[in-house]
N, C-alpha and C. Protein backbone atom coordinates (compact mmCIF):
# COMPACT_ATOMS: atom_id res chain seq x y z
N MET A 1 119.19 131.44 -9.78
CA MET A 1 120.21 130.13 -9.98
C MET A 1 119.43 129.66 -11.38
N ALA A 2 120.34 129.24 -12.34
CA ALA A 2 119.65 127.92 -13.56
C ALA A 2 119.73 126.54 -12.95
N THR A 3 118.88 126.44 -13.45
CA THR A 3 118.47 125.18 -13.60
C THR A 3 119.28 124.14 -14.47
N VAL A 4 119.97 122.74 -13.72
CA VAL A 4 120.71 121.91 -14.90
C VAL A 4 119.94 121.15 -15.47
N THR A 5 119.81 120.28 -16.27
CA THR A 5 119.37 119.32 -16.32
C THR A 5 120.07 118.22 -16.64
N PRO A 6 119.87 117.17 -16.22
CA PRO A 6 120.73 115.52 -16.26
C PRO A 6 121.23 115.28 -17.96
N PRO A 7 121.65 114.91 -17.89
CA PRO A 7 121.81 114.26 -19.14
C PRO A 7 121.04 112.78 -19.31
N ALA A 8 121.36 112.90 -20.05
CA ALA A 8 120.36 111.59 -21.01
C ALA A 8 120.88 110.11 -20.31
N SER A 9 120.54 109.09 -19.63
CA SER A 9 120.43 108.05 -19.52
C SER A 9 120.96 107.30 -20.49
N GLY A 10 122.33 106.84 -19.94
CA GLY A 10 123.57 105.89 -21.10
C GLY A 10 123.73 106.83 -21.84
N GLY A 11 124.52 108.01 -21.74
CA GLY A 11 124.80 109.00 -21.87
C GLY A 11 126.09 108.97 -21.47
N ALA A 12 126.88 108.23 -20.42
CA ALA A 12 127.76 108.02 -20.02
C ALA A 12 128.56 106.72 -20.40
N ASP A 13 127.61 106.03 -20.19
CA ASP A 13 127.97 104.79 -20.81
C ASP A 13 128.07 104.52 -22.67
N ALA A 14 126.96 105.65 -23.17
CA ALA A 14 127.61 105.42 -24.34
C ALA A 14 128.92 106.32 -24.90
N ALA A 15 129.48 107.03 -24.66
CA ALA A 15 130.74 107.50 -24.27
C ALA A 15 131.85 106.81 -23.58
N ILE A 16 131.71 106.08 -22.76
CA ILE A 16 132.20 104.91 -22.48
C ILE A 16 132.37 104.02 -23.86
N ALA A 17 131.33 103.74 -23.84
CA ALA A 17 131.81 103.35 -25.21
C ALA A 17 132.07 103.06 -26.61
N LYS A 18 132.05 104.77 -26.54
CA LYS A 18 132.15 105.81 -27.70
C LYS A 18 134.41 105.42 -27.25
N MET A 19 134.35 105.72 -26.25
CA MET A 19 136.38 105.71 -26.30
C MET A 19 136.56 104.35 -26.34
N GLU A 20 135.47 103.56 -25.58
CA GLU A 20 136.33 101.38 -26.12
C GLU A 20 137.14 101.42 -26.73
N ALA A 21 135.84 102.08 -27.71
CA ALA A 21 135.65 101.79 -29.69
C ALA A 21 137.42 102.50 -30.18
N ALA A 22 137.00 103.39 -29.45
CA ALA A 22 138.29 104.30 -29.63
C ALA A 22 139.41 103.72 -29.41
N PHE A 23 139.96 103.32 -28.37
CA PHE A 23 140.88 102.36 -27.48
C PHE A 23 140.96 101.49 -28.73
N ASP A 24 139.94 100.28 -28.95
CA ASP A 24 140.61 99.25 -29.54
C ASP A 24 140.90 99.30 -30.92
N ALA A 25 140.90 100.42 -31.22
CA ALA A 25 141.14 100.78 -32.81
C ALA A 25 142.56 101.03 -32.91
N ALA A 26 142.58 101.96 -32.40
CA ALA A 26 144.06 102.74 -31.98
C ALA A 26 144.84 101.25 -31.17
N ILE A 27 144.95 100.41 -30.50
CA ILE A 27 145.49 99.09 -30.23
C ILE A 27 145.71 97.97 -31.62
N GLU A 28 144.50 98.01 -32.27
CA GLU A 28 144.69 97.38 -33.00
C GLU A 28 145.58 97.71 -34.82
N LYS A 29 145.24 99.04 -34.93
CA LYS A 29 146.15 100.09 -35.30
C LYS A 29 148.65 100.22 -34.95
N SER A 30 148.18 99.52 -33.54
CA SER A 30 149.49 99.50 -33.36
C SER A 30 149.95 98.45 -33.30
N ALA A 31 149.48 97.75 -33.33
CA ALA A 31 149.67 95.82 -33.35
C ALA A 31 150.31 96.17 -34.73
N LYS A 32 149.21 96.65 -35.97
CA LYS A 32 149.73 96.32 -36.82
C LYS A 32 151.58 96.99 -37.78
N ILE A 33 151.39 97.70 -36.90
CA ILE A 33 152.70 98.91 -37.39
C ILE A 33 153.40 98.11 -36.67
N THR A 34 153.70 97.57 -35.22
CA THR A 34 154.86 96.72 -34.98
C THR A 34 154.93 95.37 -35.53
N GLU A 35 154.17 94.61 -35.78
CA GLU A 35 153.89 93.68 -36.90
C GLU A 35 155.11 93.88 -38.44
N ILE A 36 155.08 94.67 -39.07
CA ILE A 36 155.29 95.49 -40.13
C ILE A 36 156.75 95.79 -39.50
N THR A 37 156.40 96.83 -38.97
CA THR A 37 157.85 97.36 -38.78
C THR A 37 159.04 95.64 -38.13
N THR A 38 158.26 94.83 -37.73
CA THR A 38 159.58 93.87 -36.82
C THR A 38 159.41 93.37 -38.00
N GLU A 39 158.67 92.67 -38.78
CA GLU A 39 159.43 92.46 -40.32
C GLU A 39 159.99 92.85 -40.99
N LYS A 40 159.76 94.00 -41.16
CA LYS A 40 161.07 94.78 -42.59
C LYS A 40 162.37 94.87 -41.73
N LYS A 41 162.08 94.87 -39.98
CA LYS A 41 163.73 95.51 -39.33
C LYS A 41 164.11 92.97 -39.06
N THR A 42 163.77 92.63 -39.62
CA THR A 42 164.17 90.96 -39.86
C THR A 42 164.67 91.03 -41.13
N GLU A 43 163.85 91.26 -42.02
CA GLU A 43 164.28 91.31 -43.63
C GLU A 43 165.81 92.23 -43.41
N LEU A 44 166.14 93.61 -43.33
CA LEU A 44 166.69 94.41 -42.95
C LEU A 44 167.97 93.16 -43.04
N ASP A 45 168.25 93.17 -40.96
CA ASP A 45 169.19 91.91 -40.14
C ASP A 45 169.56 90.55 -41.52
N ALA A 46 168.22 90.09 -42.36
CA ALA A 46 168.47 88.85 -42.77
C ALA A 46 169.97 89.33 -44.22
N THR A 47 169.69 90.98 -44.40
CA THR A 47 170.28 91.33 -45.88
C THR A 47 171.57 92.05 -45.08
N LYS A 48 172.14 91.90 -44.21
CA LYS A 48 173.62 92.54 -43.46
C LYS A 48 174.16 91.73 -43.81
N GLN A 49 175.47 91.75 -44.95
CA GLN A 49 176.48 90.91 -44.24
C GLN A 49 176.98 91.13 -43.14
N ARG A 50 177.91 90.50 -42.42
CA ARG A 50 178.55 90.34 -41.11
C ARG A 50 179.65 89.78 -41.34
N PRO A 51 181.18 90.32 -41.39
CA PRO A 51 181.86 89.77 -41.54
C PRO A 51 182.12 88.28 -39.96
N GLN A 52 182.90 87.12 -41.56
CA GLN A 52 183.31 85.94 -40.58
C GLN A 52 184.28 85.94 -39.93
N ASN A 53 184.55 85.89 -38.69
CA ASN A 53 185.87 85.76 -37.94
C ASN A 53 186.41 84.23 -37.82
């Protein structure tokens, strides 16, 4: 049977930290996209002419 060496200490912690950083970056980008699209939709709604009754 082959021997398996345990991962270096902190390997899991480092991987988790890296994933957290990736998720944080994705959340920031998503928030920015949502902000921009909301602004664009608001501008579009403001330019639409609605008939007055």
